[in-house]
């Protein structure tokens, strides 16, 4: 097997999403945290994702782990493996550290022995807006699987993966198939907030 391909790709052909675990306590704590207006500045620190990718123009994000620029002279293998992931200082905030620790614990409940995190960020899709149809491809996405933990607005969202509407329940962690065409519509009058976690399980 190609070492760049995650072993959890076995879900890819059969499923569009897969529920892994639920944590109501964490979900409630996160909702309270994001309802506090003093945290609003976190969404404004980085605007790269929504300004570079047209499909994501109605989103905002808080980056806890992100790809960092490769240093000059990096070889092609390093670039292809995308091992150059940096953790932001925001990830050390107690609420985010607690979240990442629980994500690791929940992912290990699948039977995986090790969890290697790629990017981890909180995404906000504005009320009554969409993420356009797209599919995530390339070596980075072949290496990592994608997981979502939904914090708000689950039932009033259409998350369509391969023309199947999936509801990712609040307070729950899901594996999602982001390699195939998918789109999202927030039909609610409140912002949809969820964590997006890229991780390689082995």
C-alpha atoms as a PDB file:
ATOM      1  CA  UNK A   1       0.000   0.000   0.000  1.00  0.00           C
ATOM      2  CA  UNK A   2       1.190   3.515  -0.829  1.00  0.00           C
ATOM      3  CA  UNK A   3       2.382   4.981   2.472  1.00  0.00           C
ATOM      4  CA  UNK A   4       0.841   8.353   1.581  1.00  0.00           C
ATOM      5  CA  UNK A   5      -2.655   6.899   1.583  1.00  0.00           C
ATOM      6  CA  UNK A   6      -4.422   6.761   4.928  1.00  0.00           C
ATOM      7  CA  UNK A   7      -5.498   3.231   5.914  1.00  0.00           C
ATOM      8  CA  UNK A   8      -8.903   4.649   6.834  1.00  0.00           C
ATOM      9  CA  UNK A   9      -9.612   5.270   3.156  1.00  0.00           C
ATOM     10  CA  UNK A  10     -11.453   1.940   3.318  1.00  0.00           C
ATOM     11  CA  UNK A  11     -14.556   3.966   4.273  1.00  0.00           C
ATOM     12  CA  UNK A  12     -14.245   6.085   1.173  1.00  0.00           C
ATOM     13  CA  UNK A  13     -16.055   3.923  -1.371  1.00  0.00           C
ATOM     14  CA  UNK A  14     -18.910   2.776   0.846  1.00  0.00           C
ATOM     15  CA  UNK A  15     -19.844   5.662   3.103  1.00  0.00           C
ATOM     16  CA  UNK A  16     -20.304   9.402   2.949  1.00  0.00           C
ATOM     17  CA  UNK A  17     -20.069   9.958   6.705  1.00  0.00           C
ATOM     18  CA  UNK A  18     -19.570   7.891   9.831  1.00  0.00           C
ATOM     19  CA  UNK A  19     -20.387   8.883  13.427  1.00  0.00           C
ATOM     20  CA  UNK A  20     -17.565   8.144  15.859  1.00  0.00           C
ATOM     21  CA  UNK A  21     -18.451   9.666  19.237  1.00  0.00           C
ATOM     22  CA  UNK A  22     -20.576  12.214  21.095  1.00  0.00           C
ATOM     23  CA  UNK A  23     -19.608  14.673  23.830  1.00  0.00           C
ATOM     24  CA  UNK A  24     -22.520  16.841  25.010  1.00  0.00           C
ATOM     25  CA  UNK A  25     -20.473  18.449  27.787  1.00  0.00           C
ATOM     26  CA  UNK A  26     -17.805  19.638  25.345  1.00  0.00           C
ATOM     27  CA  UNK A  27     -20.408  20.827  22.837  1.00  0.00           C
ATOM     28  CA  UNK A  28     -22.199  22.865  25.504  1.00  0.00           C
ATOM     29  CA  UNK A  29     -18.947  24.402  26.710  1.00  0.00           C
ATOM     30  CA  UNK A  30     -18.015  25.349  23.136  1.00  0.00           C
ATOM     31  CA  UNK A  31     -21.421  26.918  22.442  1.00  0.00           C
ATOM     32  CA  UNK A  32     -21.107  29.024  25.591  1.00  0.00           C
ATOM     33  CA  UNK A  33     -17.588  30.020  24.590  1.00  0.00           C
ATOM     34  CA  UNK A  34     -18.539  31.163  21.093  1.00  0.00           C
ATOM     35  CA  UNK A  35     -21.661  32.959  22.372  1.00  0.00           C
ATOM     36  CA  UNK A  36     -19.369  35.230  24.389  1.00  0.00           C
ATOM     37  CA  UNK A  37     -18.751  38.315  22.238  1.00  0.00           C
ATOM     38  CA  UNK A  38     -15.251  38.716  23.717  1.00  0.00           C
ATOM     39  CA  UNK A  39     -14.147  35.755  21.563  1.00  0.00           C
ATOM     40  CA  UNK A  40     -15.296  37.368  18.284  1.00  0.00           C
ATOM     41  CA  UNK A  41     -11.787  38.658  17.496  1.00  0.00           C
ATOM     42  CA  UNK A  42     -10.557  35.083  16.989  1.00  0.00           C
ATOM     43  CA  UNK A  43     -12.476  34.826  13.696  1.00  0.00           C
ATOM     44  CA  UNK A  44     -10.610  37.860  12.309  1.00  0.00           C
ATOM     45  CA  UNK A  45      -7.026  36.721  12.916  1.00  0.00           C
ATOM     46  CA  UNK A  46      -6.745  34.757   9.664  1.00  0.00           C
ATOM     47  CA  UNK A  47      -8.898  35.360   6.587  1.00  0.00           C
ATOM     48  CA  UNK A  48      -6.797  33.317   4.168  1.00  0.00           C
ATOM     49  CA  UNK A  49      -9.143  30.346   3.791  1.00  0.00           C
ATOM     50  CA  UNK A  50     -12.238  32.301   2.786  1.00  0.00           C
ATOM     51  CA  UNK A  51     -10.423  34.808   0.599  1.00  0.00           C
ATOM     52  CA  UNK A  52      -8.397  32.264  -1.400  1.00  0.00           C
ATOM     53  CA  UNK A  53     -11.084  29.629  -1.976  1.00  0.00           C
ATOM     54  CA  UNK A  54     -14.218  30.932  -3.697  1.00  0.00           C
ATOM     55  CA  UNK A  55     -16.358  28.020  -2.455  1.00  0.00           C
ATOM     56  CA  UNK A  56     -15.612  29.072   1.152  1.00  0.00           C
ATOM     57  CA  UNK A  57     -16.285  32.803   0.771  1.00  0.00           C
ATOM     58  CA  UNK A  58     -19.133  32.788   3.339  1.00  0.00           C
ATOM     59  CA  UNK A  59     -17.004  31.169   6.018  1.00  0.00           C
ATOM     60  CA  UNK A  60     -14.635  32.322   8.737  1.00  0.00           C
ATOM     61  CA  UNK A  61     -12.134  30.191  10.605  1.00  0.00           C
ATOM     62  CA  UNK A  62      -9.955  29.940  13.674  1.00  0.00           C
ATOM     63  CA  UNK A  63      -6.763  28.020  12.916  1.00  0.00           C
ATOM     64  CA  UNK A  64      -5.413  25.825  15.699  1.00  0.00           C
ATOM     65  CA  UNK A  65      -3.042  23.792  13.514  1.00  0.00           C
ATOM     66  CA  UNK A  66      -2.118  24.895  10.024  1.00  0.00           C
ATOM     67  CA  UNK A  67       0.262  24.143   7.179  1.00  0.00           C
ATOM     68  CA  UNK A  68       3.356  26.264   7.415  1.00  0.00           C
ATOM     69  CA  UNK A  69       5.482  27.420   4.539  1.00  0.00           C
ATOM     70  CA  UNK A  70       8.243  25.007   3.625  1.00  0.00           C
ATOM     71  CA  UNK A  71      11.712  26.434   4.239  1.00  0.00           C
ATOM     72  CA  UNK A  72      13.887  27.251   1.218  1.00  0.00           C
ATOM     73  CA  UNK A  73      15.595  24.151  -0.147  1.00  0.00           C
ATOM     74  CA  UNK A  74      12.910  21.704   1.024  1.00  0.00           C
ATOM     75  CA  UNK A  75      12.782  18.678  -1.208  1.00  0.00           C
ATOM     76  CA  UNK A  76       9.788  17.410  -3.156  1.00  0.00           C
ATOM     77  CA  UNK A  77       9.197  14.485  -0.785  1.00  0.00           C
ATOM     78  CA  UNK A  78       8.806  16.840   2.169  1.00  0.00           C
ATOM     79  CA  UNK A  79       6.364  18.971   0.200  1.00  0.00           C
ATOM     80  CA  UNK A  80       4.358  15.962  -0.922  1.00  0.00           C
ATOM     81  CA  UNK A  81       4.061  14.462   2.537  1.00  0.00           C
ATOM     82  CA  UNK A  82       2.846  17.768   3.986  1.00  0.00           C
ATOM     83  CA  UNK A  83       4.389  16.982   7.335  1.00  0.00           C
ATOM     84  CA  UNK A  84       5.103  20.670   7.900  1.00  0.00           C
ATOM     85  CA  UNK A  85       2.211  21.430  10.239  1.00  0.00           C
ATOM     86  CA  UNK A  86       2.482  24.165  12.851  1.00  0.00           C
ATOM     87  CA  UNK A  87       0.396  24.619  15.969  1.00  0.00           C
ATOM     88  CA  UNK A  88      -0.815  28.132  16.725  1.00  0.00           C
ATOM     89  CA  UNK A  89      -0.753  29.749  20.150  1.00  0.00           C
ATOM     90  CA  UNK A  90      -4.553  29.732  20.045  1.00  0.00           C
ATOM     91  CA  UNK A  91      -4.457  25.926  20.279  1.00  0.00           C
ATOM     92  CA  UNK A  92      -3.123  26.329  23.804  1.00  0.00           C
ATOM     93  CA  UNK A  93      -6.255  28.131  24.972  1.00  0.00           C
ATOM     94  CA  UNK A  94      -7.785  25.762  27.566  1.00  0.00           C
ATOM     95  CA  UNK A  95     -11.043  25.229  25.634  1.00  0.00           C
ATOM     96  CA  UNK A  96      -9.200  24.338  22.421  1.00  0.00           C
ATOM     97  CA  UNK A  97      -6.606  22.156  24.147  1.00  0.00           C
ATOM     98  CA  UNK A  98      -9.451  20.289  25.844  1.00  0.00           C
ATOM     99  CA  UNK A  99     -11.177  19.868  22.479  1.00  0.00           C
ATOM    100  CA  UNK A 100      -8.103  18.504  20.699  1.00  0.00           C
ATOM    101  CA  UNK A 101      -7.364  16.128  23.579  1.00  0.00           C
ATOM    102  CA  UNK A 102     -10.904  14.757  23.349  1.00  0.00           C
ATOM    103  CA  UNK A 103     -10.720  14.448  19.548  1.00  0.00           C
ATOM    104  CA  UNK A 104      -7.583  12.334  19.952  1.00  0.00           C
ATOM    105  CA  UNK A 105      -9.243  10.151  22.577  1.00  0.00           C
ATOM    106  CA  UNK A 106     -12.363   9.722  20.425  1.00  0.00           C
ATOM    107  CA  UNK A 107     -10.357   8.866  17.315  1.00  0.00           C
ATOM    108  CA  UNK A 108      -8.433   6.229  19.251  1.00  0.00           C
ATOM    109  CA  UNK A 109     -11.792   4.647  20.119  1.00  0.00           C
ATOM    110  CA  UNK A 110     -11.947   3.527  16.460  1.00  0.00           C
ATOM    111  CA  UNK A 111      -9.122   1.089  17.211  1.00  0.00           C
ATOM    112  CA  UNK A 112      -6.352   3.308  15.880  1.00  0.00           C
ATOM    113  CA  UNK A 113      -3.117   3.122  17.856  1.00  0.00           C
ATOM    114  CA  UNK A 114      -1.732   6.509  16.822  1.00  0.00           C
ATOM    115  CA  UNK A 115      -3.285   9.780  15.721  1.00  0.00           C
ATOM    116  CA  UNK A 116      -1.250  12.189  13.617  1.00  0.00           C
ATOM    117  CA  UNK A 117      -2.984  15.546  13.320  1.00  0.00           C
ATOM    118  CA  UNK A 118      -2.783  17.724  10.251  1.00  0.00           C
ATOM    119  CA  UNK A 119      -4.755  20.931  10.136  1.00  0.00           C
ATOM    120  CA  UNK A 120      -7.292  21.570  12.896  1.00  0.00           C
ATOM    121  CA  UNK A 121      -9.546  24.607  12.721  1.00  0.00           C
ATOM    122  CA  UNK A 122     -12.925  25.914  13.742  1.00  0.00           C
ATOM    123  CA  UNK A 123     -15.133  26.866  10.813  1.00  0.00           C
ATOM    124  CA  UNK A 124     -18.110  29.206  10.849  1.00  0.00           C
ATOM    125  CA  UNK A 125     -20.592  29.230   7.976  1.00  0.00           C
ATOM    126  CA  UNK A 126     -22.729  32.337   8.115  1.00  0.00           C
ATOM    127  CA  UNK A 127     -26.482  32.104   8.581  1.00  0.00           C
ATOM    128  CA  UNK A 128     -28.472  31.512   5.383  1.00  0.00           C
ATOM    129  CA  UNK A 129     -25.391  30.917   3.244  1.00  0.00           C
ATOM    130  CA  UNK A 130     -23.613  28.101   1.447  1.00  0.00           C
ATOM    131  CA  UNK A 131     -20.344  26.329   0.832  1.00  0.00           C
ATOM    132  CA  UNK A 132     -20.281  25.632  -2.896  1.00  0.00           C
ATOM    133  CA  UNK A 133     -19.951  22.203  -4.490  1.00  0.00           C
ATOM    134  CA  UNK A 134     -16.335  21.039  -4.402  1.00  0.00           C
ATOM    135  CA  UNK A 135     -14.128  18.019  -3.728  1.00  0.00           C
ATOM    136  CA  UNK A 136     -10.850  18.033  -1.789  1.00  0.00           C
ATOM    137  CA  UNK A 137      -7.996  16.441  -3.691  1.00  0.00           C
ATOM    138  CA  UNK A 138      -4.219  16.285  -3.754  1.00  0.00           C
ATOM    139  CA  UNK A 139      -1.506  14.631  -1.714  1.00  0.00           C
ATOM    140  CA  UNK A 140      -2.428  16.363   1.537  1.00  0.00           C
ATOM    141  CA  UNK A 141      -5.970  14.994   1.429  1.00  0.00           C
ATOM    142  CA  UNK A 142      -4.717  11.558   0.404  1.00  0.00           C
ATOM    143  CA  UNK A 143      -2.563  11.470   3.515  1.00  0.00           C
ATOM    144  CA  UNK A 144      -5.131  12.657   6.060  1.00  0.00           C
ATOM    145  CA  UNK A 145      -8.747  11.783   6.735  1.00  0.00           C
ATOM    146  CA  UNK A 146     -11.228  14.531   7.566  1.00  0.00           C
ATOM    147  CA  UNK A 147     -13.414  14.677  10.666  1.00  0.00           C
ATOM    148  CA  UNK A 148     -16.085  17.165  11.762  1.00  0.00           C
ATOM    149  CA  UNK A 149     -17.321  18.004  15.253  1.00  0.00           C
ATOM    150  CA  UNK A 150     -20.535  20.021  14.989  1.00  0.00           C
ATOM    151  CA  UNK A 151     -21.151  22.718  17.607  1.00  0.00           C
ATOM    152  CA  UNK A 152     -24.219  24.589  16.283  1.00  0.00           C
ATOM    153  CA  UNK A 153     -27.052  24.546  13.723  1.00  0.00           C
ATOM    154  CA  UNK A 154     -27.014  20.873  12.784  1.00  0.00           C
ATOM    155  CA  UNK A 155     -30.642  20.103  11.944  1.00  0.00           C
ATOM    156  CA  UNK A 156     -31.094  23.235   9.846  1.00  0.00           C
ATOM    157  CA  UNK A 157     -28.148  22.447   7.605  1.00  0.00           C
ATOM    158  CA  UNK A 158     -27.989  20.393   4.452  1.00  0.00           C
ATOM    159  CA  UNK A 159     -24.603  18.724   4.116  1.00  0.00           C
ATOM    160  CA  UNK A 160     -24.768  16.961   0.765  1.00  0.00           C
ATOM    161  CA  UNK A 161     -22.103  14.374  -0.028  1.00  0.00           C
ATOM    162  CA  UNK A 162     -22.425  12.598  -3.380  1.00  0.00           C
ATOM    163  CA  UNK A 163     -26.039  13.842  -3.595  1.00  0.00           C
ATOM    164  CA  UNK A 164     -26.923  12.295  -0.221  1.00  0.00           C
ATOM    165  CA  UNK A 165     -28.090  14.718   2.459  1.00  0.00           C
ATOM    166  CA  UNK A 166     -26.315  14.035   5.751  1.00  0.00           C
ATOM    167  CA  UNK A 167     -27.099  15.643   9.100  1.00  0.00           C
ATOM    168  CA  UNK A 168     -24.068  15.804  11.351  1.00  0.00           C
ATOM    169  CA  UNK A 169     -25.637  15.999  14.797  1.00  0.00           C
ATOM    170  CA  UNK A 170     -24.448  18.571  17.313  1.00  0.00           C
ATOM    171  CA  UNK A 171     -21.935  17.459  19.934  1.00  0.00           C
ATOM    172  CA  UNK A 172     -20.800  14.600  17.685  1.00  0.00           C
ATOM    173  CA  UNK A 173     -17.596  13.714  15.869  1.00  0.00           C
ATOM    174  CA  UNK A 174     -17.892  12.312  12.342  1.00  0.00           C
ATOM    175  CA  UNK A 175     -15.598  11.023   9.655  1.00  0.00           C
ATOM    176  CA  UNK A 176     -16.681  12.595   6.366  1.00  0.00           C
ATOM    177  CA  UNK A 177     -15.803  11.732   2.799  1.00  0.00           C
ATOM    178  CA  UNK A 178     -14.386  14.999   1.517  1.00  0.00           C
ATOM    179  CA  UNK A 179     -12.791  13.403  -1.564  1.00  0.00           C
ATOM    180  CA  UNK A 180     -16.056  13.343  -3.498  1.00  0.00           C
ATOM    181  CA  UNK A 181     -18.306  16.266  -4.518  1.00  0.00           C
ATOM    182  CA  UNK A 182     -19.953  17.842  -1.475  1.00  0.00           C
ATOM    183  CA  UNK A 183     -21.657  21.108  -0.560  1.00  0.00           C
ATOM    184  CA  UNK A 184     -23.303  22.669   2.466  1.00  0.00           C
ATOM    185  CA  UNK A 185     -26.241  24.991   2.968  1.00  0.00           C
ATOM    186  CA  UNK A 186     -26.954  26.684   6.283  1.00  0.00           C
ATOM    187  CA  UNK A 187     -30.724  27.231   6.203  1.00  0.00           C
ATOM    188  CA  UNK A 188     -30.848  28.577   9.754  1.00  0.00           C
ATOM    189  CA  UNK A 189     -30.784  32.138  11.029  1.00  0.00           C
ATOM    190  CA  UNK A 190     -27.697  31.444  13.116  1.00  0.00           C
ATOM    191  CA  UNK A 191     -24.126  30.709  12.165  1.00  0.00           C
ATOM    192  CA  UNK A 192     -23.059  27.087  11.847  1.00  0.00           C
ATOM    193  CA  UNK A 193     -19.912  26.383  13.854  1.00  0.00           C
ATOM    194  CA  UNK A 194     -17.931  23.174  13.614  1.00  0.00           C
ATOM    195  CA  UNK A 195     -14.413  21.896  14.074  1.00  0.00           C
ATOM    196  CA  UNK A 196     -12.660  20.456  11.058  1.00  0.00           C
ATOM    197  CA  UNK A 197      -9.949  17.987  11.993  1.00  0.00           C
ATOM    198  CA  UNK A 198      -7.533  16.409   9.538  1.00  0.00           C
ATOM    199  CA  UNK A 199      -5.882  13.359  11.035  1.00  0.00           C
ATOM    200  CA  UNK A 200      -4.085  10.221   9.943  1.00  0.00           C
ATOM    201  CA  UNK A 201      -5.071   7.156  11.953  1.00  0.00           C
ATOM    202  CA  UNK A 202      -2.829   4.117  12.108  1.00  0.00           C
END
